[in-house]
Amino acid sequence: LMLPIHVLIVPQYVMFSQAHLINTFVPLILPKLLATDAFFVFLMVQFFRSLPAEHEEAARLDGAGNARIFLQIMLPMATPALATTAIFT
């Protein structure tokens, strides 16, 4: 959150250059679609930390794996944070 945008531009340019995406619209659209801004990453991490761990533990006791816990339990509970990210993006 404390880094200026100028510090991030050079690594992004190198990454998109290695992917042969220079002079396309993809570097303009992709970072916003993935919500890679530091604020949104911070928002999502803090939201997932605030969710009760008991839901994950109960699902694990019922035999759910990591993917099922995330997709069917954690992700539906994260809709407020995802909606906030979508609105601000």
PDB file of N, CA and C in Angstrom:
ATOM      1  N   LEU A   1       0.809  -1.196   0.000  1.00  0.00           N
ATOM      2  CA  LEU A   1       0.000   0.000   0.000  1.00  0.00           C
ATOM      3  C   LEU A   1       0.851   1.258   0.000  1.00  0.00           C
ATOM      4  N   MET A   2       2.081   1.145   0.459  1.00  0.00           N
ATOM      5  CA  MET A   2       2.929   2.324   0.576  1.00  0.00           C
ATOM      6  C   MET A   2       3.797   2.541  -0.656  1.00  0.00           C
ATOM      7  N   LEU A   3       3.790   1.611  -1.584  1.00  0.00           N
ATOM      8  CA  LEU A   3       4.639   1.745  -2.765  1.00  0.00           C
ATOM      9  C   LEU A   3       4.005   2.696  -3.775  1.00  0.00           C
ATOM     10  N   PRO A   4       4.794   3.575  -4.336  1.00  0.00           N
ATOM     11  CA  PRO A   4       4.254   4.407  -5.421  1.00  0.00           C
ATOM     12  C   PRO A   4       4.068   3.578  -6.686  1.00  0.00           C
ATOM     13  N   ILE A   5       3.193   4.031  -7.548  1.00  0.00           N
ATOM     14  CA  ILE A   5       2.869   3.287  -8.762  1.00  0.00           C
ATOM     15  C   ILE A   5       4.090   3.146  -9.671  1.00  0.00           C
ATOM     16  N   HIS A   6       5.039   4.075  -9.575  1.00  0.00           N
ATOM     17  CA  HIS A   6       6.220   4.034 -10.438  1.00  0.00           C
ATOM     18  C   HIS A   6       7.102   2.822 -10.146  1.00  0.00           C
ATOM     19  N   VAL A   7       7.062   2.349  -8.932  1.00  0.00           N
ATOM     20  CA  VAL A   7       7.853   1.179  -8.556  1.00  0.00           C
ATOM     21  C   VAL A   7       7.260  -0.085  -9.180  1.00  0.00           C
ATOM     22  N   LEU A   8       5.970  -0.094  -9.408  1.00  0.00           N
ATOM     23  CA  LEU A   8       5.300  -1.278  -9.933  1.00  0.00           C
ATOM     24  C   LEU A   8       5.248  -1.326 -11.458  1.00  0.00           C
ATOM     25  N   ILE A   9       5.429  -0.205 -12.114  1.00  0.00           N
ATOM     26  CA  ILE A   9       5.274  -0.165 -13.565  1.00  0.00           C
ATOM     27  C   ILE A   9       6.360  -0.969 -14.277  1.00  0.00           C
ATOM     28  N   VAL A  10       7.604  -0.856 -13.850  1.00  0.00           N
ATOM     29  CA  VAL A  10       8.706  -1.546 -14.533  1.00  0.00           C
ATOM     30  C   VAL A  10       8.552  -3.067 -14.444  1.00  0.00           C
ATOM     31  N   PRO A  11       8.280  -3.663 -13.283  1.00  0.00           N
ATOM     32  CA  PRO A  11       8.102  -5.123 -13.265  1.00  0.00           C
ATOM     33  C   PRO A  11       6.900  -5.588 -14.097  1.00  0.00           C
ATOM     34  N   GLN A  12       5.833  -4.792 -14.109  1.00  0.00           N
ATOM     35  CA  GLN A  12       4.680  -5.156 -14.929  1.00  0.00           C
ATOM     36  C   GLN A  12       5.040  -5.113 -16.413  1.00  0.00           C
ATOM     37  N   TYR A  13       5.802  -4.106 -16.811  1.00  0.00           N
ATOM     38  CA  TYR A  13       6.218  -4.014 -18.207  1.00  0.00           C
ATOM     39  C   TYR A  13       7.075  -5.220 -18.597  1.00  0.00           C
ATOM     40  N   VAL A  14       8.008  -5.586 -17.743  1.00  0.00           N
ATOM     41  CA  VAL A  14       8.877  -6.739 -18.030  1.00  0.00           C
ATOM     42  C   VAL A  14       8.041  -8.010 -18.129  1.00  0.00           C
ATOM     43  N   MET A  15       7.068  -8.177 -17.229  1.00  0.00           N
ATOM     44  CA  MET A  15       6.234  -9.371 -17.234  1.00  0.00           C
ATOM     45  C   MET A  15       5.396  -9.446 -18.514  1.00  0.00           C
ATOM     46  N   PHE A  16       4.773  -8.341 -18.902  1.00  0.00           N
ATOM     47  CA  PHE A  16       3.960  -8.348 -20.117  1.00  0.00           C
ATOM     48  C   PHE A  16       4.832  -8.456 -21.368  1.00  0.00           C
ATOM     49  N   SER A  17       6.048  -7.943 -21.308  1.00  0.00           N
ATOM     50  CA  SER A  17       6.953  -8.058 -22.436  1.00  0.00           C
ATOM     51  C   SER A  17       7.367  -9.511 -22.649  1.00  0.00           C
ATOM     52  N   GLN A  18       7.655 -10.222 -21.570  1.00  0.00           N
ATOM     53  CA  GLN A  18       8.028 -11.629 -21.678  1.00  0.00           C
ATOM     54  C   GLN A  18       6.865 -12.488 -22.154  1.00  0.00           C
ATOM     55  N   ALA A  19       5.631 -12.037 -21.893  1.00  0.00           N
ATOM     56  CA  ALA A  19       4.450 -12.762 -22.359  1.00  0.00           C
ATOM     57  C   ALA A  19       4.035 -12.336 -23.766  1.00  0.00           C
ATOM     58  N   HIS A  20       4.834 -11.451 -24.375  1.00  0.00           N
ATOM     59  CA  HIS A  20       4.576 -10.942 -25.733  1.00  0.00           C
ATOM     60  C   HIS A  20       3.211 -10.274 -25.837  1.00  0.00           C
ATOM     61  N   LEU A  21       2.879  -9.457 -24.835  1.00  0.00           N
ATOM     62  CA  LEU A  21       1.596  -8.764 -24.820  1.00  0.00           C
ATOM     63  C   LEU A  21       1.741  -7.249 -24.968  1.00  0.00           C
ATOM     64  N   ILE A  22       2.941  -6.785 -25.318  1.00  0.00           N
ATOM     65  CA  ILE A  22       3.145  -5.356 -25.536  1.00  0.00           C
ATOM     66  C   ILE A  22       2.400  -4.948 -26.811  1.00  0.00           C
ATOM     67  N   ASN A  23       1.877  -3.732 -26.838  1.00  0.00           N
ATOM     68  CA  ASN A  23       1.094  -3.180 -27.947  1.00  0.00           C
ATOM     69  C   ASN A  23      -0.235  -3.903 -28.152  1.00  0.00           C
ATOM     70  N   THR A  24      -0.790  -4.435 -27.066  1.00  0.00           N
ATOM     71  CA  THR A  24      -2.139  -4.993 -27.088  1.00  0.00           C
ATOM     72  C   THR A  24      -2.934  -4.340 -25.970  1.00  0.00           C
ATOM     73  N   PHE A  25      -4.215  -4.629 -25.911  1.00  0.00           N
ATOM     74  CA  PHE A  25      -5.058  -4.077 -24.855  1.00  0.00           C
ATOM     75  C   PHE A  25      -5.026  -4.914 -23.580  1.00  0.00           C
ATOM     76  N   VAL A  26      -4.442  -6.089 -23.638  1.00  0.00           N
ATOM     77  CA  VAL A  26      -4.433  -6.998 -22.491  1.00  0.00           C
ATOM     78  C   VAL A  26      -3.762  -6.382 -21.261  1.00  0.00           C
ATOM     79  N   PRO A  27      -2.593  -5.721 -21.363  1.00  0.00           N
ATOM     80  CA  PRO A  27      -1.996  -5.135 -20.162  1.00  0.00           C
ATOM     81  C   PRO A  27      -2.832  -4.014 -19.545  1.00  0.00           C
ATOM     82  N   LEU A  28      -3.720  -3.434 -20.315  1.00  0.00           N
ATOM     83  CA  LEU A  28      -4.590  -2.395 -19.768  1.00  0.00           C
ATOM     84  C   LEU A  28      -5.788  -2.973 -19.038  1.00  0.00           C
ATOM     85  N   ILE A  29      -6.241  -4.130 -19.475  1.00  0.00           N
ATOM     86  CA  ILE A  29      -7.462  -4.709 -18.941  1.00  0.00           C
ATOM     87  C   ILE A  29      -7.188  -5.747 -17.856  1.00  0.00           C
ATOM     88  N   LEU A  30      -6.200  -6.590 -18.057  1.00  0.00           N
ATOM     89  CA  LEU A  30      -5.955  -7.736 -17.178  1.00  0.00           C
ATOM     90  C   LEU A  30      -5.720  -7.372 -15.711  1.00  0.00           C
ATOM     91  N   PRO A  31      -4.887  -6.381 -15.377  1.00  0.00           N
ATOM     92  CA  PRO A  31      -4.683  -6.091 -13.953  1.00  0.00           C
ATOM     93  C   PRO A  31      -5.948  -5.652 -13.233  1.00  0.00           C
ATOM     94  N   LYS A  32      -6.817  -4.920 -13.910  1.00  0.00           N
ATOM     95  CA  LYS A  32      -8.065  -4.502 -13.273  1.00  0.00           C
ATOM     96  C   LYS A  32      -9.046  -5.648 -13.128  1.00  0.00           C
ATOM     97  N   LEU A  33      -9.074  -6.557 -14.102  1.00  0.00           N
ATOM     98  CA  LEU A  33      -9.970  -7.702 -13.991  1.00  0.00           C
ATOM     99  C   LEU A  33      -9.554  -8.631 -12.859  1.00  0.00           C
ATOM    100  N   LEU A  34      -8.268  -8.751 -12.637  1.00  0.00           N
ATOM    101  CA  LEU A  34      -7.775  -9.621 -11.573  1.00  0.00           C
ATOM    102  C   LEU A  34      -7.760  -8.942 -10.217  1.00  0.00           C
ATOM    103  N   ALA A  35      -8.083  -7.650 -10.190  1.00  0.00           N
ATOM    104  CA  ALA A  35      -8.117  -6.866  -8.946  1.00  0.00           C
ATOM    105  C   ALA A  35      -6.799  -6.989  -8.197  1.00  0.00           C
ATOM    106  N   THR A  36      -5.707  -6.731  -8.885  1.00  0.00           N
ATOM    107  CA  THR A  36      -4.391  -6.879  -8.285  1.00  0.00           C
ATOM    108  C   THR A  36      -3.918  -5.625  -7.570  1.00  0.00           C
ATOM    109  N   ASP A  37      -4.780  -4.634  -7.462  1.00  0.00           N
ATOM    110  CA  ASP A  37      -4.398  -3.465  -6.688  1.00  0.00           C
ATOM    111  C   ASP A  37      -4.173  -3.875  -5.239  1.00  0.00           C
ATOM    112  N   ALA A  38      -3.252  -3.247  -4.598  1.00  0.00           N
ATOM    113  CA  ALA A  38      -2.886  -3.641  -3.234  1.00  0.00           C
ATOM    114  C   ALA A  38      -4.061  -3.483  -2.278  1.00  0.00           C
ATOM    115  N   PHE A  39      -4.899  -2.500  -2.511  1.00  0.00           N
ATOM    116  CA  PHE A  39      -6.051  -2.294  -1.635  1.00  0.00           C
ATOM    117  C   PHE A  39      -6.985  -3.500  -1.661  1.00  0.00           C
ATOM    118  N   PHE A  40      -7.239  -4.041  -2.850  1.00  0.00           N
ATOM    119  CA  PHE A  40      -8.176  -5.153  -2.964  1.00  0.00           C
ATOM    120  C   PHE A  40      -7.592  -6.435  -2.391  1.00  0.00           C
ATOM    121  N   VAL A  41      -6.313  -6.631  -2.559  1.00  0.00           N
ATOM    122  CA  VAL A  41      -5.664  -7.793  -1.946  1.00  0.00           C
ATOM    123  C   VAL A  41      -5.745  -7.684  -0.431  1.00  0.00           C
ATOM    124  N   PHE A  42      -5.465  -6.506   0.095  1.00  0.00           N
ATOM    125  CA  PHE A  42      -5.560  -6.281   1.540  1.00  0.00           C
ATOM    126  C   PHE A  42      -6.993  -6.491   2.021  1.00  0.00           C
ATOM    127  N   LEU A  43      -7.964  -5.980   1.271  1.00  0.00           N
ATOM    128  CA  LEU A  43      -9.363  -6.117   1.648  1.00  0.00           C
ATOM    129  C   LEU A  43      -9.779  -7.581   1.712  1.00  0.00           C
ATOM    130  N   MET A  44      -9.418  -8.349   0.696  1.00  0.00           N
ATOM    131  CA  MET A  44      -9.813  -9.754   0.669  1.00  0.00           C
ATOM    132  C   MET A  44      -9.118 -10.569   1.758  1.00  0.00           C
ATOM    133  N   VAL A  45      -7.845 -10.303   1.988  1.00  0.00           N
ATOM    134  CA  VAL A  45      -7.116 -11.031   3.039  1.00  0.00           C
ATOM    135  C   VAL A  45      -7.733 -10.748   4.401  1.00  0.00           C
ATOM    136  N   GLN A  46      -8.012  -9.496   4.677  1.00  0.00           N
ATOM    137  CA  GLN A  46      -8.608  -9.154   5.968  1.00  0.00           C
ATOM    138  C   GLN A  46     -10.003  -9.738   6.113  1.00  0.00           C
ATOM    139  N   PHE A  47     -10.756  -9.774   5.014  1.00  0.00           N
ATOM    140  CA  PHE A  47     -12.092 -10.355   5.092  1.00  0.00           C
ATOM    141  C   PHE A  47     -12.022 -11.848   5.386  1.00  0.00           C
ATOM    142  N   PHE A  48     -11.142 -12.573   4.693  1.00  0.00           N
ATOM    143  CA  PHE A  48     -11.035 -14.006   4.937  1.00  0.00           C
ATOM    144  C   PHE A  48     -10.495 -14.296   6.337  1.00  0.00           C
ATOM    145  N   ARG A  49      -9.678 -13.421   6.863  1.00  0.00           N
ATOM    146  CA  ARG A  49      -9.199 -13.616   8.241  1.00  0.00           C
ATOM    147  C   ARG A  49     -10.307 -13.405   9.251  1.00  0.00           C
ATOM    148  N   SER A  50     -11.301 -12.582   8.906  1.00  0.00           N
ATOM    149  CA  SER A  50     -12.387 -12.305   9.841  1.00  0.00           C
ATOM    150  C   SER A  50     -13.452 -13.398   9.847  1.00  0.00           C
ATOM    151  N   LEU A  51     -13.455 -14.281   8.849  1.00  0.00           N
ATOM    152  CA  LEU A  51     -14.438 -15.361   8.824  1.00  0.00           C
ATOM    153  C   LEU A  51     -14.124 -16.375   9.915  1.00  0.00           C
ATOM    154  N   PRO A  52     -15.164 -16.922  10.547  1.00  0.00           N
ATOM    155  CA  PRO A  52     -14.919 -17.883  11.623  1.00  0.00           C
ATOM    156  C   PRO A  52     -14.280 -19.172  11.107  1.00  0.00           C
ATOM    157  N   ALA A  53     -13.320 -19.647  11.835  1.00  0.00           N
ATOM    158  CA  ALA A  53     -12.603 -20.866  11.449  1.00  0.00           C
ATOM    159  C   ALA A  53     -13.448 -22.116  11.685  1.00  0.00           C
ATOM    160  N   GLU A  54     -14.499 -21.998  12.464  1.00  0.00           N
ATOM    161  CA  GLU A  54     -15.338 -23.155  12.764  1.00  0.00           C
ATOM    162  C   GLU A  54     -16.017 -23.721  11.525  1.00  0.00           C
ATOM    163  N   HIS A  55     -16.352 -22.856  10.559  1.00  0.00           N
ATOM    164  CA  HIS A  55     -16.973 -23.338   9.332  1.00  0.00           C
ATOM    165  C   HIS A  55     -16.019 -24.240   8.551  1.00  0.00           C
ATOM    166  N   GLU A  56     -14.770 -23.820   8.471  1.00  0.00           N
ATOM    167  CA  GLU A  56     -13.777 -24.617   7.757  1.00  0.00           C
ATOM    168  C   GLU A  56     -13.504 -25.920   8.492  1.00  0.00           C
ATOM    169  N   GLU A  57     -13.422 -25.857   9.811  1.00  0.00           N
ATOM    170  CA  GLU A  57     -13.166 -27.069  10.594  1.00  0.00           C
ATOM    171  C   GLU A  57     -14.322 -28.055  10.467  1.00  0.00           C
ATOM    172  N   ALA A  58     -15.551 -27.558  10.481  1.00  0.00           N
ATOM    173  CA  ALA A  58     -16.713 -28.451  10.350  1.00  0.00           C
ATOM    174  C   ALA A  58     -16.734 -29.112   8.977  1.00  0.00           C
ATOM    175  N   ALA A  59     -16.403 -28.357   7.944  1.00  0.00           N
ATOM    176  CA  ALA A  59     -16.369 -28.938   6.596  1.00  0.00           C
ATOM    177  C   ALA A  59     -15.261 -29.969   6.479  1.00  0.00           C
ATOM    178  N   ARG A  60     -14.136 -29.709   7.107  1.00  0.00           N
ATOM    179  CA  ARG A  60     -13.030 -30.666   7.048  1.00  0.00           C
ATOM    180  C   ARG A  60     -13.406 -31.959   7.784  1.00  0.00           C
ATOM    181  N   LEU A  61     -14.134 -31.832   8.896  1.00  0.00           N
ATOM    182  CA  LEU A  61     -14.590 -33.024   9.607  1.00  0.00           C
ATOM    183  C   LEU A  61     -15.602 -33.819   8.779  1.00  0.00           C
ATOM    184  N   ASP A  62     -16.375 -33.130   7.950  1.00  0.00           N
ATOM    185  CA  ASP A  62     -17.337 -33.808   7.082  1.00  0.00           C
ATOM    186  C   ASP A  62     -16.679 -34.425   5.862  1.00  0.00           C
ATOM    187  N   GLY A  63     -15.377 -34.218   5.680  1.00  0.00           N
ATOM    188  CA  GLY A  63     -14.651 -34.860   4.599  1.00  0.00           C
ATOM    189  C   GLY A  63     -14.436 -33.991   3.377  1.00  0.00           C
ATOM    190  N   ALA A  64     -14.671 -32.698   3.482  1.00  0.00           N
ATOM    191  CA  ALA A  64     -14.470 -31.811   2.341  1.00  0.00           C
ATOM    192  C   ALA A  64     -12.986 -31.493   2.183  1.00  0.00           C
ATOM    193  N   GLY A  65     -12.548 -31.400   0.936  1.00  0.00           N
ATOM    194  CA  GLY A  65     -11.167 -31.040   0.643  1.00  0.00           C
ATOM    195  C   GLY A  65     -11.014 -29.524   0.557  1.00  0.00           C
ATOM    196  N   ASN A  66      -9.797 -29.090   0.261  1.00  0.00           N
ATOM    197  CA  ASN A  66      -9.525 -27.650   0.209  1.00  0.00           C
ATOM    198  C   ASN A  66     -10.342 -26.944  -0.860  1.00  0.00           C
ATOM    199  N   ALA A  67     -10.438 -27.537  -2.041  1.00  0.00           N
ATOM    200  CA  ALA A  67     -11.180 -26.898  -3.131  1.00  0.00           C
ATOM    201  C   ALA A  67     -12.660 -26.780  -2.793  1.00  0.00           C
ATOM    202  N   ARG A  68     -13.228 -27.832  -2.232  1.00  0.00           N
ATOM    203  CA  ARG A  68     -14.649 -27.788  -1.889  1.00  0.00           C
ATOM    204  C   ARG A  68     -14.921 -26.798  -0.763  1.00  0.00           C
ATOM    205  N   ILE A  69     -14.040 -26.735   0.210  1.00  0.00           N
ATOM    206  CA  ILE A  69     -14.208 -25.771   1.299  1.00  0.00           C
ATOM    207  C   ILE A  69     -14.187 -24.349   0.747  1.00  0.00           C
ATOM    208  N   PHE A  70     -13.243 -24.084  -0.150  1.00  0.00           N
ATOM    209  CA  PHE A  70     -13.155 -22.733  -0.695  1.00  0.00           C
ATOM    210  C   PHE A  70     -14.356 -22.403  -1.573  1.00  0.00           C
ATOM    211  N   LEU A  71     -14.687 -23.311  -2.509  1.00  0.00           N
ATOM    212  CA  LEU A  71     -15.732 -23.002  -3.488  1.00  0.00           C
ATOM    213  C   LEU A  71     -17.141 -23.028  -2.908  1.00  0.00           C
ATOM    214  N   GLN A  72     -17.411 -23.918  -1.974  1.00  0.00           N
ATOM    215  CA  GLN A  72     -18.779 -24.061  -1.503  1.00  0.00           C
ATOM    216  C   GLN A  72     -19.046 -23.430  -0.150  1.00  0.00           C
ATOM    217  N   ILE A  73     -18.014 -23.078   0.585  1.00  0.00           N
ATOM    218  CA  ILE A  73     -18.247 -22.506   1.912  1.00  0.00           C
ATOM    219  C   ILE A  73     -17.672 -21.102   2.019  1.00  0.00           C
ATOM    220  N   MET A  74     -16.378 -20.968   1.751  1.00  0.00           N
ATOM    221  CA  MET A  74     -15.734 -19.669   1.953  1.00  0.00           C
ATOM    222  C   MET A  74     -16.121 -18.642   0.891  1.00  0.00           C
ATOM    223  N   LEU A  75     -16.156 -19.044  -0.369  1.00  0.00           N
ATOM    224  CA  LEU A  75     -16.468 -18.116  -1.449  1.00  0.00           C
ATOM    225  C   LEU A  75     -17.884 -17.548  -1.348  1.00  0.00           C
ATOM    226  N   PRO A  76     -18.913 -18.347  -1.061  1.00  0.00           N
ATOM    227  CA  PRO A  76     -20.234 -17.731  -0.875  1.00  0.00           C
ATOM    228  C   PRO A  76     -20.296 -16.767   0.307  1.00  0.00           C
ATOM    229  N   MET A  77     -19.529 -17.038   1.352  1.00  0.00           N
ATOM    230  CA  MET A  77     -19.523 -16.110   2.485  1.00  0.00           C
ATOM    231  C   MET A  77     -18.754 -14.841   2.160  1.00  0.00           C
ATOM    232  N   ALA A  78     -17.928 -14.861   1.116  1.00  0.00           N
ATOM    233  CA  ALA A  78     -17.123 -13.704   0.754  1.00  0.00           C
ATOM    234  C   ALA A  78     -17.804 -12.802  -0.265  1.00  0.00           C
ATOM    235  N   THR A  79     -19.071 -13.021  -0.559  1.00  0.00           N
ATOM    236  CA  THR A  79     -19.743 -12.197  -1.560  1.00  0.00           C
ATOM    237  C   THR A  79     -19.775 -10.710  -1.209  1.00  0.00           C
ATOM    238  N   PRO A  80     -19.889 -10.304   0.056  1.00  0.00           N
ATOM    239  CA  PRO A  80     -19.824  -8.863   0.330  1.00  0.00           C
ATOM    240  C   PRO A  80     -18.478  -8.238  -0.053  1.00  0.00           C
ATOM    241  N   ALA A  81     -17.389  -8.936   0.245  1.00  0.00           N
ATOM    242  CA  ALA A  81     -16.068  -8.416  -0.113  1.00  0.00           C
ATOM    243  C   ALA A  81     -15.865  -8.437  -1.617  1.00  0.00           C
ATOM    244  N   LEU A  82     -16.356  -9.472  -2.290  1.00  0.00           N
ATOM    245  CA  LEU A  82     -16.243  -9.528  -3.751  1.00  0.00           C
ATOM    246  C   LEU A  82     -17.087  -8.455  -4.408  1.00  0.00           C
ATOM    247  N   ALA A  83     -18.254  -8.177  -3.861  1.00  0.00           N
ATOM    248  CA  ALA A  83     -19.092  -7.110  -4.409  1.00  0.00           C
ATOM    249  C   ALA A  83     -18.435  -5.749  -4.215  1.00  0.00           C
ATOM    250  N   THR A  84     -17.834  -5.532  -3.063  1.00  0.00           N
ATOM    251  CA  THR A  84     -17.117  -4.271  -2.822  1.00  0.00           C
ATOM    252  C   THR A  84     -15.964  -4.120  -3.787  1.00  0.00           C
ATOM    253  N   THR A  85     -15.215  -5.177  -4.009  1.00  0.00           N
ATOM    254  CA  THR A  85     -14.107  -5.134  -4.972  1.00  0.00           C
ATOM    255  C   THR A  85     -14.615  -4.845  -6.377  1.00  0.00           C
ATOM    256  N   ALA A  86     -15.722  -5.474  -6.755  1.00  0.00           N
ATOM    257  CA  ALA A  86     -16.277  -5.252  -8.080  1.00  0.00           C
ATOM    258  C   ALA A  86     -16.756  -3.818  -8.261  1.00  0.00           C
ATOM    259  N   ILE A  87     -17.378  -3.266  -7.236  1.00  0.00           N
ATOM    260  CA  ILE A  87     -17.874  -1.888  -7.329  1.00  0.00           C
ATOM    261  C   ILE A  87     -16.718  -0.906  -7.437  1.00  0.00           C
ATOM    262  N   PHE A  88     -15.689  -1.079  -6.607  1.00  0.00           N
ATOM    263  CA  PHE A  88     -14.561  -0.146  -6.637  1.00  0.00           C
ATOM    264  C   PHE A  88     -13.700  -0.316  -7.876  1.00  0.00           C
ATOM    265  N   THR A  89     -13.665  -1.512  -8.434  1.00  0.00           N
ATOM    266  CA  THR A  89     -12.892  -1.728  -9.645  1.00  0.00           C
ATOM    267  C   THR A  89     -13.608  -1.102 -10.814  1.00  0.00           C
TER     268      THR A  89
END
